[in-house]
Amino acid sequence: IEPGKLHVGTISDGRPYSFVDGDGKFAGFEIDYFND
């Protein structure tokens, strides 16, 4: 959609896959795995 960036959609309450932690940041298996 935007060259040089990956725009990704997910859910915020999908522990342990994808969720927003206490600091308001995305965390979880899928977040770490996709970043890799």
ModelCIF file with pLDDT and N, C-alpha, C, O atoms, coordinates in Angstrom:
data_MODEL
#
_entry.id   MODEL 
#
_entity.id                         1 
_entity.type                       polymer 
_entity.pdbx_number_of_molecules   1 
#
_entity_poly.entity_id                      1 
_entity_poly.type                           'polypeptide(L)' 
_entity_poly.nstd_linkage                   no 
_entity_poly.nstd_monomer                   no 
_entity_poly.pdbx_seq_one_letter_code       IEPGKLHVGTISDGRPYSFVDGDGKFAGFEIDYFND 
_entity_poly.pdbx_seq_one_letter_code_can   IEPGKLHVGTISDGRPYSFVDGDGKFAGFEIDYFND 
_entity_poly.pdbx_strand_id                 A 
#
loop_
_entity_poly_seq.entity_id 
_entity_poly_seq.num 
_entity_poly_seq.mon_id 
_entity_poly_seq.hetero 
1 1  ILE n 
1 2  GLU n 
1 3  PRO n 
1 4  GLY n 
1 5  LYS n 
1 6  LEU n 
1 7  HIS n 
1 8  VAL n 
1 9  GLY n 
1 10 THR n 
1 11 ILE n 
1 12 SER n 
1 13 ASP n 
1 14 GLY n 
1 15 ARG n 
1 16 PRO n 
1 17 TYR n 
1 18 SER n 
1 19 PHE n 
1 20 VAL n 
1 21 ASP n 
1 22 GLY n 
1 23 ASP n 
1 24 GLY n 
1 25 LYS n 
1 26 PHE n 
1 27 ALA n 
1 28 GLY n 
1 29 PHE n 
1 30 GLU n 
1 31 ILE n 
1 32 ASP n 
1 33 TYR n 
1 34 PHE n 
1 35 ASN n 
1 36 ASP n 
#
_struct_asym.id          A 
_struct_asym.entity_id   1 
#
loop_
_ma_qa_metric.id 
_ma_qa_metric.mode 
_ma_qa_metric.name 
_ma_qa_metric.software_group_id 
_ma_qa_metric.type 
1 global pLDDT . pLDDT 
2 local  pLDDT . pLDDT 
#
_ma_qa_metric_global.metric_id      1 
_ma_qa_metric_global.metric_value   96.28 
_ma_qa_metric_global.model_id       1 
_ma_qa_metric_global.ordinal_id     1 
#
loop_
_ma_qa_metric_local.label_asym_id 
_ma_qa_metric_local.label_comp_id 
_ma_qa_metric_local.label_seq_id 
_ma_qa_metric_local.metric_id 
_ma_qa_metric_local.metric_value 
_ma_qa_metric_local.model_id 
_ma_qa_metric_local.ordinal_id 
A ILE 1  2 97.00 1 1  
A GLU 2  2 96.00 1 2  
A PRO 3  2 96.00 1 3  
A GLY 4  2 95.00 1 4  
A LYS 5  2 97.00 1 5  
A LEU 6  2 98.00 1 6  
A HIS 7  2 98.00 1 7  
A VAL 8  2 98.00 1 8  
A GLY 9  2 98.00 1 9  
A THR 10 2 98.00 1 10 
A ILE 11 2 97.00 1 11 
A SER 12 2 95.00 1 12 
A ASP 13 2 93.00 1 13 
A GLY 14 2 93.00 1 14 
A ARG 15 2 91.00 1 15 
A PRO 16 2 93.00 1 16 
A TYR 17 2 95.00 1 17 
A SER 18 2 96.00 1 18 
A PHE 19 2 96.00 1 19 
A VAL 20 2 96.00 1 20 
A ASP 21 2 95.00 1 21 
A GLY 22 2 94.00 1 22 
A ASP 23 2 95.00 1 23 
A GLY 24 2 95.00 1 24 
A LYS 25 2 96.00 1 25 
A PHE 26 2 97.00 1 26 
A ALA 27 2 98.00 1 27 
A GLY 28 2 97.00 1 28 
A PHE 29 2 97.00 1 29 
A GLU 30 2 98.00 1 30 
A ILE 31 2 98.00 1 31 
A ASP 32 2 98.00 1 32 
A TYR 33 2 98.00 1 33 
A PHE 34 2 98.00 1 34 
A ASN 35 2 98.00 1 35 
A ASP 36 2 98.00 1 36 
#
loop_
_atom_site.group_PDB 
_atom_site.id 
_atom_site.type_symbol 
_atom_site.label_atom_id 
_atom_site.label_alt_id 
_atom_site.label_comp_id 
_atom_site.label_asym_id 
_atom_site.label_entity_id 
_atom_site.label_seq_id 
_atom_site.pdbx_PDB_ins_code 
_atom_site.Cartn_x 
_atom_site.Cartn_y 
_atom_site.Cartn_z 
_atom_site.occupancy 
_atom_site.B_iso_or_equiv 
_atom_site.pdbx_formal_charge 
_atom_site.auth_seq_id 
_atom_site.auth_comp_id 
_atom_site.auth_asym_id 
_atom_site.auth_atom_id 
_atom_site.pdbx_PDB_model_num 
ATOM 1   N N  . ILE A 1 1  ? 0.834  -1.197  0.000  1.00 97.00 ? 1  ILE A N  1 
ATOM 2   C CA . ILE A 1 1  ? 0.000  0.000   0.000  1.00 97.00 ? 1  ILE A CA 1 
ATOM 3   C C  . ILE A 1 1  ? 0.871  1.250   0.000  1.00 97.00 ? 1  ILE A C  1 
ATOM 4   O O  . ILE A 1 1  ? 0.594  2.212   -0.716 1.00 97.00 ? 1  ILE A O  1 
ATOM 5   N N  . GLU A 1 2  ? 1.922  1.226   0.805  1.00 96.00 ? 2  GLU A N  1 
ATOM 6   C CA . GLU A 1 2  ? 2.882  2.330   0.900  1.00 96.00 ? 2  GLU A CA 1 
ATOM 7   C C  . GLU A 1 2  ? 4.280  1.748   0.753  1.00 96.00 ? 2  GLU A C  1 
ATOM 8   O O  . GLU A 1 2  ? 4.734  1.026   1.641  1.00 96.00 ? 2  GLU A O  1 
ATOM 9   N N  . PRO A 1 3  ? 4.967  2.037   -0.332 1.00 96.00 ? 3  PRO A N  1 
ATOM 10  C CA . PRO A 1 3  ? 6.307  1.472   -0.532 1.00 96.00 ? 3  PRO A CA 1 
ATOM 11  C C  . PRO A 1 3  ? 7.215  1.720   0.663  1.00 96.00 ? 3  PRO A C  1 
ATOM 12  O O  . PRO A 1 3  ? 7.277  2.832   1.188  1.00 96.00 ? 3  PRO A O  1 
ATOM 13  N N  . GLY A 1 4  ? 7.918  0.674   1.089  1.00 95.00 ? 4  GLY A N  1 
ATOM 14  C CA . GLY A 1 4  ? 8.836  0.813   2.203  1.00 95.00 ? 4  GLY A CA 1 
ATOM 15  C C  . GLY A 1 4  ? 8.221  0.574   3.560  1.00 95.00 ? 4  GLY A C  1 
ATOM 16  O O  . GLY A 1 4  ? 8.916  0.637   4.574  1.00 95.00 ? 4  GLY A O  1 
ATOM 17  N N  . LYS A 1 5  ? 6.909  0.296   3.599  1.00 97.00 ? 5  LYS A N  1 
ATOM 18  C CA . LYS A 1 5  ? 6.248  0.024   4.878  1.00 97.00 ? 5  LYS A CA 1 
ATOM 19  C C  . LYS A 1 5  ? 5.285  -1.151  4.731  1.00 97.00 ? 5  LYS A C  1 
ATOM 20  O O  . LYS A 1 5  ? 4.701  -1.371  3.670  1.00 97.00 ? 5  LYS A O  1 
ATOM 21  N N  . LEU A 1 6  ? 5.137  -1.898  5.820  1.00 98.00 ? 6  LEU A N  1 
ATOM 22  C CA . LEU A 1 6  ? 4.170  -2.995  5.867  1.00 98.00 ? 6  LEU A CA 1 
ATOM 23  C C  . LEU A 1 6  ? 3.040  -2.579  6.799  1.00 98.00 ? 6  LEU A C  1 
ATOM 24  O O  . LEU A 1 6  ? 3.242  -2.449  8.006  1.00 98.00 ? 6  LEU A O  1 
ATOM 25  N N  . HIS A 1 7  ? 1.867  -2.372  6.248  1.00 98.00 ? 7  HIS A N  1 
ATOM 26  C CA . HIS A 1 7  ? 0.705  -2.023  7.054  1.00 98.00 ? 7  HIS A CA 1 
ATOM 27  C C  . HIS A 1 7  ? -0.011 -3.307  7.447  1.00 98.00 ? 7  HIS A C  1 
ATOM 28  O O  . HIS A 1 7  ? -0.462 -4.074  6.597  1.00 98.00 ? 7  HIS A O  1 
ATOM 29  N N  . VAL A 1 8  ? -0.103 -3.521  8.752  1.00 98.00 ? 8  VAL A N  1 
ATOM 30  C CA . VAL A 1 8  ? -0.575 -4.792  9.289  1.00 98.00 ? 8  VAL A CA 1 
ATOM 31  C C  . VAL A 1 8  ? -1.800 -4.576  10.172 1.00 98.00 ? 8  VAL A C  1 
ATOM 32  O O  . VAL A 1 8  ? -1.852 -3.628  10.955 1.00 98.00 ? 8  VAL A O  1 
ATOM 33  N N  . GLY A 1 9  ? -2.787 -5.464  10.038 1.00 98.00 ? 9  GLY A N  1 
ATOM 34  C CA . GLY A 1 9  ? -3.965 -5.434  10.889 1.00 98.00 ? 9  GLY A CA 1 
ATOM 35  C C  . GLY A 1 9  ? -4.006 -6.652  11.792 1.00 98.00 ? 9  GLY A C  1 
ATOM 36  O O  . GLY A 1 9  ? -3.658 -7.753  11.367 1.00 98.00 ? 9  GLY A O  1 
ATOM 37  N N  . THR A 1 10 ? -4.430 -6.465  13.040 1.00 98.00 ? 10 THR A N  1 
ATOM 38  C CA . THR A 1 10 ? -4.558 -7.586  13.971 1.00 98.00 ? 10 THR A CA 1 
ATOM 39  C C  . THR A 1 10 ? -5.592 -7.212  15.030 1.00 98.00 ? 10 THR A C  1 
ATOM 40  O O  . THR A 1 10 ? -6.264 -6.187  14.908 1.00 98.00 ? 10 THR A O  1 
ATOM 41  N N  . ILE A 1 11 ? -5.722 -8.039  16.071 1.00 97.00 ? 11 ILE A N  1 
ATOM 42  C CA . ILE A 1 11 ? -6.639 -7.727  17.166 1.00 97.00 ? 11 ILE A CA 1 
ATOM 43  C C  . ILE A 1 11 ? -5.835 -7.369  18.407 1.00 97.00 ? 11 ILE A C  1 
ATOM 44  O O  . ILE A 1 11 ? -4.641 -7.657  18.493 1.00 97.00 ? 11 ILE A O  1 
ATOM 45  N N  . SER A 1 12 ? -6.502 -6.740  19.365 1.00 95.00 ? 12 SER A N  1 
ATOM 46  C CA . SER A 1 12 ? -5.781 -6.237  20.536 1.00 95.00 ? 12 SER A CA 1 
ATOM 47  C C  . SER A 1 12 ? -5.935 -7.114  21.771 1.00 95.00 ? 12 SER A C  1 
ATOM 48  O O  . SER A 1 12 ? -5.332 -6.829  22.806 1.00 95.00 ? 12 SER A O  1 
ATOM 49  N N  . ASP A 1 13 ? -6.740 -8.185  21.679 1.00 93.00 ? 13 ASP A N  1 
ATOM 50  C CA . ASP A 1 13 ? -6.988 -9.012  22.861 1.00 93.00 ? 13 ASP A CA 1 
ATOM 51  C C  . ASP A 1 13 ? -6.804 -10.494 22.575 1.00 93.00 ? 13 ASP A C  1 
ATOM 52  O O  . ASP A 1 13 ? -7.470 -11.338 23.174 1.00 93.00 ? 13 ASP A O  1 
ATOM 53  N N  . GLY A 1 14 ? -5.900 -10.803 21.659 1.00 93.00 ? 14 GLY A N  1 
ATOM 54  C CA . GLY A 1 14 ? -5.710 -12.192 21.240 1.00 93.00 ? 14 GLY A CA 1 
ATOM 55  C C  . GLY A 1 14 ? -4.533 -12.874 21.914 1.00 93.00 ? 14 GLY A C  1 
ATOM 56  O O  . GLY A 1 14 ? -3.725 -13.510 21.237 1.00 93.00 ? 14 GLY A O  1 
ATOM 57  N N  . ARG A 1 15 ? -4.416 -12.759 23.235 1.00 91.00 ? 15 ARG A N  1 
ATOM 58  C CA . ARG A 1 15 ? -3.324 -13.449 23.945 1.00 91.00 ? 15 ARG A CA 1 
ATOM 59  C C  . ARG A 1 15 ? -3.381 -14.944 23.651 1.00 91.00 ? 15 ARG A C  1 
ATOM 60  O O  . ARG A 1 15 ? -4.466 -15.522 23.581 1.00 91.00 ? 15 ARG A O  1 
ATOM 61  N N  . PRO A 1 16 ? -2.221 -15.572 23.478 1.00 93.00 ? 16 PRO A N  1 
ATOM 62  C CA . PRO A 1 16 ? -0.854 -15.057 23.504 1.00 93.00 ? 16 PRO A CA 1 
ATOM 63  C C  . PRO A 1 16 ? -0.337 -14.681 22.106 1.00 93.00 ? 16 PRO A C  1 
ATOM 64  O O  . PRO A 1 16 ? 0.863  -14.480 21.921 1.00 93.00 ? 16 PRO A O  1 
ATOM 65  N N  . TYR A 1 17 ? -1.236 -14.590 21.139 1.00 95.00 ? 17 TYR A N  1 
ATOM 66  C CA . TYR A 1 17 ? -0.814 -14.368 19.760 1.00 95.00 ? 17 TYR A CA 1 
ATOM 67  C C  . TYR A 1 17 ? -0.537 -12.902 19.457 1.00 95.00 ? 17 TYR A C  1 
ATOM 68  O O  . TYR A 1 17 ? 0.553  -12.538 19.013 1.00 95.00 ? 17 TYR A O  1 
ATOM 69  N N  . SER A 1 18 ? -1.543 -12.067 19.704 1.00 96.00 ? 18 SER A N  1 
ATOM 70  C CA . SER A 1 18 ? -1.415 -10.638 19.426 1.00 96.00 ? 18 SER A CA 1 
ATOM 71  C C  . SER A 1 18 ? -2.310 -9.874  20.397 1.00 96.00 ? 18 SER A C  1 
ATOM 72  O O  . SER A 1 18 ? -3.518 -10.105 20.460 1.00 96.00 ? 18 SER A O  1 
ATOM 73  N N  . PHE A 1 19 ? -1.702 -8.960  21.154 1.00 96.00 ? 19 PHE A N  1 
ATOM 74  C CA . PHE A 1 19 ? -2.472 -8.205  22.131 1.00 96.00 ? 19 PHE A CA 1 
ATOM 75  C C  . PHE A 1 19 ? -1.728 -6.923  22.478 1.00 96.00 ? 19 PHE A C  1 
ATOM 76  O O  . PHE A 1 19 ? -0.546 -6.767  22.171 1.00 96.00 ? 19 PHE A O  1 
ATOM 77  N N  . VAL A 1 20 ? -2.443 -6.016  23.121 1.00 96.00 ? 20 VAL A N  1 
ATOM 78  C CA . VAL A 1 20 ? -1.839 -4.770  23.600 1.00 96.00 ? 20 VAL A CA 1 
ATOM 79  C C  . VAL A 1 20 ? -1.515 -4.959  25.076 1.00 96.00 ? 20 VAL A C  1 
ATOM 80  O O  . VAL A 1 20 ? -2.394 -5.296  25.869 1.00 96.00 ? 20 VAL A O  1 
ATOM 81  N N  . ASP A 1 21 ? -0.245 -4.742  25.448 1.00 95.00 ? 21 ASP A N  1 
ATOM 82  C CA . ASP A 1 21 ? 0.185  -4.989  26.823 1.00 95.00 ? 21 ASP A CA 1 
ATOM 83  C C  . ASP A 1 21 ? -0.098 -3.784  27.728 1.00 95.00 ? 21 ASP A C  1 
ATOM 84  O O  . ASP A 1 21 ? -0.720 -2.811  27.302 1.00 95.00 ? 21 ASP A O  1 
ATOM 85  N N  . GLY A 1 22 ? 0.357  -3.859  28.962 1.00 94.00 ? 22 GLY A N  1 
ATOM 86  C CA . GLY A 1 22 ? 0.097  -2.805  29.934 1.00 94.00 ? 22 GLY A CA 1 
ATOM 87  C C  . GLY A 1 22 ? 0.711  -1.472  29.574 1.00 94.00 ? 22 GLY A C  1 
ATOM 88  O O  . GLY A 1 22 ? 0.279  -0.437  30.082 1.00 94.00 ? 22 GLY A O  1 
ATOM 89  N N  . ASP A 1 23 ? 1.710  -1.475  28.709 1.00 95.00 ? 23 ASP A N  1 
ATOM 90  C CA . ASP A 1 23 ? 2.346  -0.235  28.270 1.00 95.00 ? 23 ASP A CA 1 
ATOM 91  C C  . ASP A 1 23 ? 1.722  0.322   27.000 1.00 95.00 ? 23 ASP A C  1 
ATOM 92  O O  . ASP A 1 23 ? 2.195  1.313   26.443 1.00 95.00 ? 23 ASP A O  1 
ATOM 93  N N  . GLY A 1 24 ? 0.640  -0.336  26.544 1.00 95.00 ? 24 GLY A N  1 
ATOM 94  C CA . GLY A 1 24 ? -0.027 0.130   25.332 1.00 95.00 ? 24 GLY A CA 1 
ATOM 95  C C  . GLY A 1 24 ? 0.675  -0.276  24.053 1.00 95.00 ? 24 GLY A C  1 
ATOM 96  O O  . GLY A 1 24 ? 0.415  0.290   22.991 1.00 95.00 ? 24 GLY A O  1 
ATOM 97  N N  . LYS A 1 25 ? 1.574  -1.266  24.147 1.00 96.00 ? 25 LYS A N  1 
ATOM 98  C CA . LYS A 1 25 ? 2.317  -1.723  22.970 1.00 96.00 ? 25 LYS A CA 1 
ATOM 99  C C  . LYS A 1 25 ? 1.835  -3.107  22.533 1.00 96.00 ? 25 LYS A C  1 
ATOM 100 O O  . LYS A 1 25 ? 1.384  -3.909  23.351 1.00 96.00 ? 25 LYS A O  1 
ATOM 101 N N  . PHE A 1 26 ? 1.940  -3.368  21.240 1.00 97.00 ? 26 PHE A N  1 
ATOM 102 C CA . PHE A 1 26 ? 1.571  -4.686  20.740 1.00 97.00 ? 26 PHE A CA 1 
ATOM 103 C C  . PHE A 1 26 ? 2.614  -5.722  21.153 1.00 97.00 ? 26 PHE A C  1 
ATOM 104 O O  . PHE A 1 26 ? 3.816  -5.465  21.093 1.00 97.00 ? 26 PHE A O  1 
ATOM 105 N N  . ALA A 1 27 ? 2.145  -6.877  21.567 1.00 98.00 ? 27 ALA A N  1 
ATOM 106 C CA . ALA A 1 27 ? 3.032  -7.960  21.991 1.00 98.00 ? 27 ALA A CA 1 
ATOM 107 C C  . ALA A 1 27 ? 2.388  -9.283  21.602 1.00 98.00 ? 27 ALA A C  1 
ATOM 108 O O  . ALA A 1 27 ? 1.236  -9.324  21.170 1.00 98.00 ? 27 ALA A O  1 
ATOM 109 N N  . GLY A 1 28 ? 3.149  -10.366 21.761 1.00 97.00 ? 28 GLY A N  1 
ATOM 110 C CA . GLY A 1 28 ? 2.606  -11.683 21.484 1.00 97.00 ? 28 GLY A CA 1 
ATOM 111 C C  . GLY A 1 28 ? 3.431  -12.464 20.483 1.00 97.00 ? 28 GLY A C  1 
ATOM 112 O O  . GLY A 1 28 ? 4.333  -11.923 19.843 1.00 97.00 ? 28 GLY A O  1 
ATOM 113 N N  . PHE A 1 29 ? 3.113  -13.734 20.356 1.00 97.00 ? 29 PHE A N  1 
ATOM 114 C CA . PHE A 1 29 ? 3.839  -14.612 19.442 1.00 97.00 ? 29 PHE A CA 1 
ATOM 115 C C  . PHE A 1 29 ? 3.799  -14.096 18.010 1.00 97.00 ? 29 PHE A C  1 
ATOM 116 O O  . PHE A 1 29 ? 4.834  -13.999 17.351 1.00 97.00 ? 29 PHE A O  1 
ATOM 117 N N  . GLU A 1 30 ? 2.607  -13.765 17.532 1.00 98.00 ? 30 GLU A N  1 
ATOM 118 C CA . GLU A 1 30 ? 2.486  -13.338 16.130 1.00 98.00 ? 30 GLU A CA 1 
ATOM 119 C C  . GLU A 1 30 ? 3.190  -12.014 15.875 1.00 98.00 ? 30 GLU A C  1 
ATOM 120 O O  . GLU A 1 30 ? 3.750  -11.806 14.799 1.00 98.00 ? 30 GLU A O  1 
ATOM 121 N N  . ILE A 1 31 ? 3.166  -11.123 16.851 1.00 98.00 ? 31 ILE A N  1 
ATOM 122 C CA . ILE A 1 31 ? 3.855  -9.836  16.695 1.00 98.00 ? 31 ILE A CA 1 
ATOM 123 C C  . ILE A 1 31 ? 5.361  -10.065 16.553 1.00 98.00 ? 31 ILE A C  1 
ATOM 124 O O  . ILE A 1 31 ? 5.989  -9.545  15.630 1.00 98.00 ? 31 ILE A O  1 
ATOM 125 N N  . ASP A 1 32 ? 5.934  -10.841 17.469 1.00 98.00 ? 32 ASP A N  1 
ATOM 126 C CA . ASP A 1 32 ? 7.375  -11.115 17.415 1.00 98.00 ? 32 ASP A CA 1 
ATOM 127 C C  . ASP A 1 32 ? 7.739  -11.907 16.163 1.00 98.00 ? 32 ASP A C  1 
ATOM 128 O O  . ASP A 1 32 ? 8.760  -11.654 15.525 1.00 98.00 ? 32 ASP A O  1 
ATOM 129 N N  . TYR A 1 33 ? 6.898  -12.855 15.831 1.00 98.00 ? 33 TYR A N  1 
ATOM 130 C CA . TYR A 1 33 ? 7.197  -13.696 14.671 1.00 98.00 ? 33 TYR A CA 1 
ATOM 131 C C  . TYR A 1 33 ? 7.125  -12.887 13.375 1.00 98.00 ? 33 TYR A C  1 
ATOM 132 O O  . TYR A 1 33 ? 7.990  -13.021 12.510 1.00 98.00 ? 33 TYR A O  1 
ATOM 133 N N  . PHE A 1 34 ? 6.098  -12.052 13.242 1.00 98.00 ? 34 PHE A N  1 
ATOM 134 C CA . PHE A 1 34 ? 5.991  -11.256 12.020 1.00 98.00 ? 34 PHE A CA 1 
ATOM 135 C C  . PHE A 1 34 ? 7.132  -10.260 11.910 1.00 98.00 ? 34 PHE A C  1 
ATOM 136 O O  . PHE A 1 34 ? 7.617  -10.003 10.808 1.00 98.00 ? 34 PHE A O  1 
ATOM 137 N N  . ASN A 1 35 ? 7.569  -9.695  13.024 1.00 98.00 ? 35 ASN A N  1 
ATOM 138 C CA . ASN A 1 35 ? 8.713  -8.775  12.978 1.00 98.00 ? 35 ASN A CA 1 
ATOM 139 C C  . ASN A 1 35 ? 9.963  -9.486  12.468 1.00 98.00 ? 35 ASN A C  1 
ATOM 140 O O  . ASN A 1 35 ? 10.759 -8.901  11.733 1.00 98.00 ? 35 ASN A O  1 
ATOM 141 N N  . ASP A 1 36 ? 10.135 -10.761 12.864 1.00 98.00 ? 36 ASP A N  1 
ATOM 142 C CA . ASP A 1 36 ? 11.271 -11.537 12.364 1.00 98.00 ? 36 ASP A CA 1 
ATOM 143 C C  . ASP A 1 36 ? 11.143 -11.761 10.861 1.00 98.00 ? 36 ASP A C  1 
ATOM 144 O O  . ASP A 1 36 ? 12.007 -12.396 10.255 1.00 98.00 ? 36 ASP A O  1 
#
